[in-house]
Protein backbone atom coordinates (compact mmCIF):
# COMPACT_ATOMS: atom_id res chain seq x y z
CA MET A 1 5.30 7.29 34.78
CA THR A 2 5.59 9.78 31.93
CA PRO A 3 2.20 11.38 31.22
CA SER A 4 0.86 10.91 27.69
CA VAL A 5 -1.42 13.29 25.85
CA LEU A 6 -3.27 12.24 22.71
CA VAL A 7 -3.83 14.96 20.10
CA ARG A 8 -6.96 14.26 18.07
CA ARG A 9 -8.43 16.24 15.23
CA SER A 10 -11.83 16.93 13.77
CA ARG A 11 -13.09 19.20 11.05
CA SER A 12 -12.33 22.53 12.74
CA ASP A 13 -10.72 21.92 16.12
CA ALA A 14 -8.34 19.74 18.10
CA SER A 15 -8.70 17.74 21.30
CA LEU A 16 -6.16 16.90 23.97
CA VAL A 17 -6.93 13.62 25.74
CA GLU A 18 -5.13 12.65 28.93
CA LEU A 19 -4.06 9.04 28.39
CA MET A 20 -2.62 8.71 31.88
CA GLY A 21 -4.27 10.21 34.92
CA ASP A 22 -7.76 11.68 34.84
CA GLY A 23 -8.58 10.76 31.23
CA GLU A 24 -10.04 14.23 30.72
CA THR A 25 -10.63 15.59 27.22
CA HIS A 26 -9.92 19.25 26.43
CA THR A 27 -11.32 20.62 23.19
CA LEU A 28 -9.71 23.72 21.72
CA THR A 29 -9.32 25.48 18.41
CA ARG A 30 -6.30 24.88 16.21
CA GLU A 31 -5.23 28.45 16.93
CA ASP A 32 -5.11 27.68 20.66
CA LEU A 33 -3.22 24.41 20.23
CA PRO A 34 0.36 25.81 20.23
CA GLU A 35 -0.08 27.61 23.54
CA ALA A 36 -1.75 24.57 25.11
CA VAL A 37 1.15 22.37 23.99
CA ARG A 38 3.70 24.91 25.21
CA GLU A 39 2.08 24.95 28.65
CA ARG A 40 1.94 21.16 28.97
CA GLU A 41 5.45 20.68 27.65
CA ARG A 42 6.74 21.97 31.00
CA VAL A 43 6.23 18.46 32.41
CA HIS A 44 7.66 16.80 29.27
CA PRO A 45 4.74 14.53 28.38
CA ARG A 46 4.74 12.06 25.52
CA TRP A 47 2.58 13.49 22.75
CA VAL A 48 0.58 10.85 20.88
CA TRP A 49 -0.70 11.77 17.43
CA ASP A 50 -1.47 10.17 14.12
CA SER A 51 1.23 11.98 12.15
CA THR A 52 4.12 14.16 13.28
CA ALA A 53 4.38 15.50 9.74
CA HIS A 54 0.87 16.91 10.12
CA TRP A 55 0.86 18.30 13.67
CA TYR A 56 4.40 19.36 14.42
CA PRO A 57 5.21 21.89 11.64
CA GLU A 58 2.57 24.36 12.82
CA LEU A 59 3.95 24.13 16.36
CA VAL A 60 7.57 24.63 15.33
CA GLU A 61 6.56 27.55 13.13
CA VAL A 62 5.47 29.52 16.22
CA GLY A 63 8.41 28.45 18.37
CA VAL A 64 6.86 25.48 20.19
CA ARG A 65 8.97 22.33 20.34
CA VAL A 66 8.26 19.05 22.09
CA SER A 67 10.73 16.65 23.65
CA ARG A 68 9.06 13.34 22.81
CA CYS A 69 6.16 11.88 20.87
CA LEU A 70 4.58 8.70 19.59
CA ASP A 71 3.90 8.82 15.85
CA LEU A 72 1.11 6.29 15.38
CA ARG A 73 1.60 6.01 11.64
CA LEU A 74 5.28 5.10 11.99
CA SER A 75 4.79 2.83 15.01
CA ARG A 76 2.02 0.93 13.27
CA ALA A 77 4.31 0.17 10.33
CA ILE A 78 6.97 -1.13 12.72
CA LEU A 79 4.56 -3.37 14.59
CA ARG A 80 3.02 -4.85 11.48
CA LEU A 81 6.36 -5.55 9.80
CA SER A 82 8.43 -6.59 12.82
CA ALA A 83 6.16 -9.23 14.30
CA PRO A 84 3.91 -10.34 11.45
CA ARG A 85 2.36 -13.38 13.11
CA ILE A 86 1.33 -11.40 16.17
CA ALA A 87 1.12 -7.74 15.22
CA ALA A 88 -0.55 -8.25 11.85
CA GLU A 89 -3.53 -9.73 13.66
CA SER A 90 -3.37 -7.40 16.64
CA VAL A 91 -2.92 -3.96 15.08
CA ALA A 92 -6.50 -3.59 13.98
CA PRO A 93 -9.12 -1.30 15.53
CA PRO A 94 -10.28 -2.74 18.84
CA ASP A 95 -13.82 -2.58 20.05
CA VAL A 96 -13.47 0.62 22.06
CA ALA A 97 -17.07 0.76 23.24
CA GLY A 98 -16.88 1.44 26.95
CA ALA A 99 -13.06 1.42 26.98
CA SER A 100 -11.43 4.04 29.18
CA LEU A 101 -8.31 5.99 28.32
CA GLY A 102 -7.73 6.95 31.94
CA GLY A 103 -5.45 5.28 34.45
CA GLU A 104 -2.13 3.61 33.93
CA GLU A 105 -3.54 0.42 32.50
CA VAL A 106 -5.15 0.50 29.09
CA ALA A 107 -8.29 -1.55 28.79
CA ALA A 108 -7.55 -4.78 26.92
CA ALA A 109 -8.92 -4.82 23.40
CA PRO A 110 -10.16 -8.01 21.76
CA ARG A 111 -8.18 -9.10 18.74
CA ARG A 112 -10.09 -8.34 15.57
CA HIS A 113 -8.93 -8.15 11.96
CA ASP A 114 -10.65 -5.33 10.10
CA ALA A 115 -9.88 -4.88 6.40
CA ALA A 116 -10.85 -1.21 6.60
CA TRP A 117 -7.71 -0.61 8.65
CA GLU A 118 -5.28 -2.35 6.31
CA GLY A 119 -4.04 0.96 4.93
CA TRP A 120 -4.51 3.14 8.01
CA ASP A 121 -2.42 6.29 7.80
CA GLY A 122 -4.40 8.57 10.09
CA GLY A 123 -6.17 9.99 7.06
CA TRP A 124 -3.09 11.93 5.98
CA GLY A 125 -1.60 9.75 3.27
CA ALA A 126 1.56 7.67 3.27
CA ARG A 127 3.78 10.64 4.07
CA GLY A 128 1.67 12.39 6.67
CA HIS A 129 -0.15 14.82 4.38
CA ASP A 130 -3.89 15.18 3.96
CA SER A 131 -5.10 12.32 1.79
CA ALA A 132 -8.53 13.88 1.42
CA GLU A 133 -7.66 17.29 0.00
CA PRO A 134 -10.46 18.91 -2.00
CA GLY A 135 -10.11 18.59 -5.74
CA LEU A 136 -11.57 20.50 -8.66
CA PHE A 137 -14.95 18.90 -7.99
CA GLU A 138 -15.88 18.51 -4.32
CA MET A 139 -16.77 14.89 -3.58
CA ASP A 140 -18.53 13.47 -0.57
CA ARG A 141 -15.88 12.58 1.99
CA PRO A 142 -15.82 8.99 3.24
CA GLU A 143 -16.59 8.29 6.86
CA HIS A 144 -12.89 8.00 7.75
CA SER A 145 -11.66 11.01 5.77
CA ALA A 146 -8.90 13.15 7.27
CA PRO A 147 -10.96 15.74 9.17
CA GLU A 148 -13.01 13.02 10.88
CA ALA A 149 -10.12 10.68 11.65
CA GLY A 150 -9.45 11.83 15.22
CA ARG A 151 -11.39 8.95 16.71
CA ASP A 152 -9.32 6.58 14.57
CA ALA A 153 -6.12 7.83 16.23
CA GLN A 154 -7.60 7.01 19.61
CA ALA A 155 -8.58 3.53 18.47
CA GLN A 156 -5.23 2.98 16.79
CA TRP A 157 -3.37 3.85 19.99
CA LEU A 158 -5.45 1.33 21.94
CA ALA A 159 -4.78 -1.30 19.28
CA GLN A 160 -1.03 -0.73 19.36
CA GLU A 161 -0.91 -0.95 23.14
CA GLN A 162 -2.77 -4.26 22.88
CA ALA A 163 -0.37 -5.48 20.19
CA LEU A 164 2.66 -4.71 22.36
CA ARG A 165 1.12 -6.59 25.28
CA GLU A 166 0.55 -9.63 23.08
CA ILE A 167 4.09 -9.44 21.71
CA ALA A 168 5.41 -9.16 25.29
CA ALA A 169 3.53 -12.33 26.21
CA TYR A 170 5.29 -14.06 23.33
CA SER A 171 8.72 -12.43 23.82
CA PRO A 172 9.34 -9.73 26.47
CA ASP A 173 12.77 -8.92 25.02
CA ARG A 174 11.33 -8.38 21.57
CA ALA A 175 8.57 -6.16 22.94
CA ARG A 176 11.13 -3.99 24.74
CA ALA A 177 13.25 -3.78 21.58
CA LEU A 178 10.21 -2.74 19.55
CA GLN A 179 9.34 -0.06 22.10
CA LEU A 180 12.86 1.37 21.80
CA LEU A 181 12.66 1.28 18.01
CA ILE A 182 9.27 3.01 18.04
CA ALA A 183 10.62 5.70 20.38
CA ALA A 184 13.65 6.25 18.14
CA GLU A 185 11.56 6.42 14.97
CA SER A 186 9.14 8.88 16.56
CA ALA A 187 12.06 11.02 17.74
CA GLY A 188 13.34 10.95 14.17
CA ALA A 189 10.00 12.27 12.96
CA LEU A 190 10.39 15.27 15.28
CA ALA A 191 13.94 15.81 14.04
CA ALA A 192 12.79 15.69 10.40
CA VAL A 193 10.35 18.55 10.94
CA GLU A 194 12.92 20.59 12.86
CA LEU A 195 15.55 19.99 10.16
CA HIS A 196 13.19 21.34 7.53
CA HIS A 197 12.28 24.37 9.62
CA ASP A 198 15.84 25.27 10.65
CA GLY A 199 17.38 24.40 7.29
CA LEU A 200 20.96 23.51 6.45
CA PRO A 201 23.30 26.54 6.41
CA LEU A 202 24.55 26.92 2.85
CA ARG A 203 26.57 29.84 1.50
CA GLU A 204 25.11 30.70 -1.89
CA ASP A 205 28.17 32.74 -2.86
CA LEU A 206 30.49 29.79 -2.20
CA HIS A 207 28.21 27.43 -4.09
CA ARG A 208 28.04 29.71 -7.13
CA ALA A 209 31.81 30.14 -7.06
CA ARG A 210 32.26 26.36 -7.01
CA LEU A 211 29.89 25.94 -9.96
CA GLN A 212 31.80 28.61 -11.85
CA GLU A 213 35.07 26.83 -11.11
CA LEU A 214 33.85 23.41 -12.25
CA LEU A 215 31.33 24.26 -14.98
CA GLY A 216 32.35 27.67 -16.27
CA GLU A 217 29.83 30.32 -17.20
CA ARG A 218 26.18 29.41 -16.78
CA GLY A 219 24.46 28.71 -20.09
CA ARG A 220 21.71 31.09 -21.12
CA PHE A 221 18.15 29.98 -21.88
CA GLY A 222 18.82 26.33 -21.00
CA ALA A 223 22.10 25.99 -22.88
CA ARG A 224 24.95 23.94 -21.45
CA PRO A 225 27.49 25.60 -19.17
CA ALA A 226 30.74 26.57 -20.90
CA ARG A 227 32.80 23.62 -19.63
CA LEU A 228 30.16 21.07 -20.68
CA GLU A 229 29.87 22.66 -24.11
CA GLU A 230 33.65 22.43 -24.51
CA LEU A 231 33.65 18.74 -23.54
CA ALA A 232 30.68 18.02 -25.83
CA ALA A 233 32.59 19.49 -28.79
CA ARG A 234 35.62 17.31 -28.03
CA ILE A 235 33.45 14.19 -27.70
CA ARG A 236 31.81 14.89 -31.08
CA LEU A 237 35.22 15.28 -32.66
CA ALA A 238 36.61 12.09 -31.10
CA LEU A 239 33.57 10.07 -32.21
CA ASN A 240 33.40 11.74 -35.63
CA ASP A 241 29.78 12.78 -35.11
CA PRO A 242 29.26 16.56 -35.42
CA HIS A 243 25.60 16.34 -34.40
CA LEU A 244 26.04 14.06 -31.38
CA ASN A 245 24.05 14.90 -28.26
CA PRO A 246 26.08 13.38 -25.40
CA ASP A 247 23.04 13.65 -23.12
CA SER A 248 21.11 11.19 -25.32
CA GLN A 249 21.96 7.60 -24.40
CA PRO A 250 20.66 6.07 -27.69
CA HIS A 251 22.57 8.64 -29.75
CA LEU A 252 25.75 8.15 -27.73
CA LEU A 253 25.50 4.34 -27.92
CA ARG A 254 25.19 4.45 -31.71
CA ALA A 255 28.21 6.75 -31.97
CA LEU A 256 30.32 4.49 -29.73
CA ARG A 257 29.35 1.36 -31.67
CA ARG A 258 30.15 3.02 -34.99
CA MET A 259 33.68 3.43 -33.65
CA GLY A 260 33.87 -0.31 -33.01
CA LEU A 261 33.31 -0.09 -29.25
CA ASP A 262 31.20 -2.98 -27.94
CA VAL A 263 29.07 -1.41 -25.20
CA ASN A 264 25.56 -2.17 -23.97
CA SER A 265 25.02 1.00 -21.95
CA THR A 266 26.58 4.33 -21.12
CA ALA A 267 26.95 3.46 -17.44
CA ARG A 268 30.16 4.74 -15.91
CA TRP A 269 31.40 1.30 -14.87
CA GLU A 270 31.07 0.04 -18.45
CA LEU A 271 32.63 3.11 -20.04
CA ARG A 272 35.68 2.69 -17.81
CA GLY A 273 36.49 -0.50 -19.66
CA LEU A 274 36.84 1.28 -23.01
CA ASP A 275 40.15 1.71 -24.79
CA HIS A 276 39.57 4.89 -26.75
CA PRO A 277 40.73 8.54 -26.56
CA VAL A 278 37.14 9.67 -25.91
CA LEU A 279 36.99 7.91 -22.53
CA GLU A 280 38.48 10.66 -20.35
CA ASP A 281 36.33 13.45 -21.80
CA LEU A 282 33.18 11.32 -21.76
CA LEU A 283 33.53 10.36 -18.10
CA GLU A 284 34.29 13.97 -17.17
CA TYR A 285 31.24 15.13 -19.12
CA LYS A 286 28.93 12.67 -17.37
CA LYS A 287 30.23 13.67 -13.93
CA LEU A 288 29.84 17.40 -14.54
CA ALA A 289 26.48 17.01 -16.30
CA ARG A 290 25.19 15.23 -13.22
CA LEU A 291 26.41 18.08 -11.02
CA ALA A 292 24.79 20.70 -13.28
CA SER A 293 21.41 18.94 -13.34
CA ALA A 294 21.25 17.81 -9.70
CA ASN A 295 22.95 20.66 -7.82
CA GLY A 296 23.54 23.41 -10.34
CA TRP A 297 22.15 26.92 -10.61
CA ALA A 298 18.54 25.76 -11.01
CA TRP A 299 18.83 23.69 -7.82
CA LEU A 300 20.25 26.68 -5.99
CA ASP A 301 17.43 28.94 -7.19
CA SER A 302 14.75 26.40 -6.24
CA TRP A 303 15.95 25.02 -2.91
CA VAL A 304 18.18 27.60 -1.22
CA SER A 305 16.94 30.90 0.16
CA GLY A 306 18.09 33.11 2.99
CA GLY A 307 21.26 31.06 3.33
CA ARG A 308 19.31 27.88 4.11
CA PHE A 309 18.67 24.66 2.20
CA ARG A 310 15.29 23.31 3.29
CA ALA A 311 14.27 19.87 2.13
CA ASP A 312 11.38 17.65 3.17
CA TYR A 313 12.77 14.70 5.11
CA VAL A 314 10.70 11.51 5.30
CA PRO A 315 11.57 9.05 8.10
CA ALA A 316 11.11 5.43 7.00
CA GLY A 317 10.50 6.76 3.52
CA VAL A 318 11.80 3.64 1.77
CA VAL A 319 10.96 -0.01 2.24
CA THR A 320 14.22 -0.73 4.09
CA GLY A 321 13.26 1.76 6.81
CA ARG A 322 15.83 4.34 5.78
CA TRP A 323 15.00 8.01 5.49
CA SER A 324 14.23 9.57 2.15
CA SER A 325 13.68 13.15 1.05
CA ARG A 326 11.33 14.90 -1.32
CA GLY A 327 13.20 17.14 -3.70
CA GLY A 328 16.64 18.65 -3.58
CA GLY A 329 18.60 15.44 -3.05
CA ALA A 330 19.07 16.31 0.61
CA LEU A 331 20.52 12.92 1.54
CA SER A 332 23.14 12.84 -1.21
CA LEU A 333 24.84 16.22 -1.54
CA PRO A 334 28.02 15.54 -3.56
CA LYS A 335 31.37 16.15 -1.93
CA VAL A 336 32.38 18.74 -4.53
CA ILE A 337 29.83 21.25 -3.23
CA ARG A 338 29.93 20.50 0.51
CA SER A 339 32.46 23.28 1.01
CA ALA A 340 29.50 25.67 0.67
CA VAL A 341 27.92 24.16 3.80
CA VAL A 342 29.32 26.44 6.50
CA ALA A 343 28.16 26.54 10.11
CA ASP A 344 26.70 29.79 11.42
CA PRO A 345 29.03 32.02 13.48
CA GLY A 346 29.53 30.53 16.93
CA TRP A 347 28.50 27.04 15.80
CA THR A 348 30.49 23.99 14.70
CA PHE A 349 29.40 21.00 12.64
CA VAL A 350 30.02 17.61 14.23
CA VAL A 351 29.95 14.94 11.53
CA ALA A 352 29.42 11.29 12.41
CA ASP A 353 29.01 8.35 10.07
CA ALA A 354 28.13 4.79 11.06
CA ALA A 355 30.44 3.35 8.41
CA GLN A 356 29.14 0.22 6.64
CA LEU A 357 26.52 -0.29 9.32
CA GLU A 358 24.29 -2.77 7.47
CA PRO A 359 26.98 -5.35 6.54
CA ARG A 360 28.42 -5.15 10.05
CA VAL A 361 24.99 -5.89 11.52
CA LEU A 362 24.60 -8.75 9.02
CA ALA A 363 27.99 -10.15 10.05
CA ALA A 364 27.02 -10.04 13.73
CA ILE A 365 23.61 -11.63 13.19
CA SER A 366 24.90 -14.37 10.88
CA GLY A 367 28.04 -15.06 12.90
CA ASP A 368 30.15 -14.99 9.72
CA GLU A 369 33.68 -15.07 11.14
CA ALA A 370 35.35 -14.02 7.87
CA MET A 371 33.09 -10.98 7.51
CA LEU A 372 33.57 -10.05 11.16
CA ALA A 373 37.33 -10.24 10.69
CA ALA A 374 37.11 -8.07 7.57
CA GLY A 375 35.09 -5.46 9.46
CA ALA A 376 37.58 -5.45 12.33
CA ARG A 377 40.28 -4.27 9.91
CA GLY A 378 38.52 -0.93 9.35
CA ASP A 379 37.10 -0.59 5.84
CA LEU A 380 35.10 -3.79 5.41
CA TYR A 381 34.72 -3.35 1.65
CA GLN A 382 38.44 -2.77 1.11
CA ALA A 383 39.23 -5.78 3.28
CA LEU A 384 37.11 -7.94 0.96
CA VAL A 385 39.16 -6.64 -1.97
CA ALA A 386 42.42 -7.41 -0.15
CA ASP A 387 41.19 -10.95 0.51
CA GLY A 388 40.55 -11.44 -3.21
CA VAL A 389 36.77 -11.75 -2.91
CA VAL A 390 36.12 -9.04 -5.54
CA GLU A 391 38.22 -6.85 -7.81
CA ASP A 392 37.57 -3.41 -6.34
CA ARG A 393 35.79 -1.61 -3.51
CA GLU A 394 32.85 -0.46 -5.63
CA HIS A 395 32.06 -4.06 -6.62
CA ALA A 396 32.32 -5.11 -2.97
CA LYS A 397 29.81 -2.47 -1.91
CA VAL A 398 27.33 -3.25 -4.72
CA ALA A 399 27.55 -6.99 -4.04
CA MET A 400 27.07 -6.56 -0.30
CA LEU A 401 24.09 -4.21 -0.57
CA GLY A 402 22.62 -6.42 -3.29
CA ALA A 403 22.84 -9.42 -0.99
CA LEU A 404 21.17 -7.41 1.77
CA TYR A 405 18.36 -5.74 -0.15
CA GLY A 406 18.12 -7.58 -3.47
């Protein structure tokens, strides 16, 4: 059986607790933690901790990487959401008095619902960061504040083991599936930290050249780039409004309506239905303005250094369970600038995309023969268009994702 080591924290040190085997606790300083982890990683244990986002960056920073872990914050969310009738009652702090962490069997914990654990995050906030950081005025820390939360991680691990046993008694197949999902999500948490540390190779010279090609000269002191300024002038002329600010939706709407155009918004899909000479320039302006604001020179200055784009990736960062990112738009780099992403010498990018994964899963679960047949033809969305379900592919995608997520 794979050995497991729990990493606990207190105000100034860390503890390694053997969860399988002798149950011994080793207390060490945070400075000694990387070397202790490096030594134990030789036998490839499963590291159990409250938050990968808290523990792992300091290890990776000094060249220590681990092969597997259990992220208690992520696994708790999975258990509570995936089996609400069982896990919602089970994943609460057990009565650990006298319970032993040694041996292969974990002592059974009585089911107990404790409101204090409703928002358990290991003391590090919803994204794995310290939720009890000192402010301008130092306040008394609550009993379960971040530096004292190590014992909570131990109790939470016991509670989750108990929850999985109870789920297994109800449905062994579901328990095994949840264990696989928890392992995958925890592995993703390790990958997120490593992705931030290693960064995405991005050639700044190629990116700047692409911006120059599409946007023209960079505007000085916050002014628009040359190409946007040119388009803005043409839009003002076409709408007979010399003071129009095309970046202002209310101003643009008034100008369009004065020209007799019945529009309720400046959304791209609605503008495409216009019959007016301004349409082409307006759509081009909106596309390039988005590029300038989201991935222009300011983005390059803020997020790219040393030939690397480093974003903060957040596994299960949205309610659907998908990843999110903090800053930089890491999960949605537009195609027009991806040519600047160039692998390092001796390396090659391998790109894989699980195309239209969610609707295909929905088709399989629901047994919808028509949707399964559409998916078998390649592009599921385009197949729906060909079958006359919707007018175009974009509408098919919006309708499908709307049906899935609301």
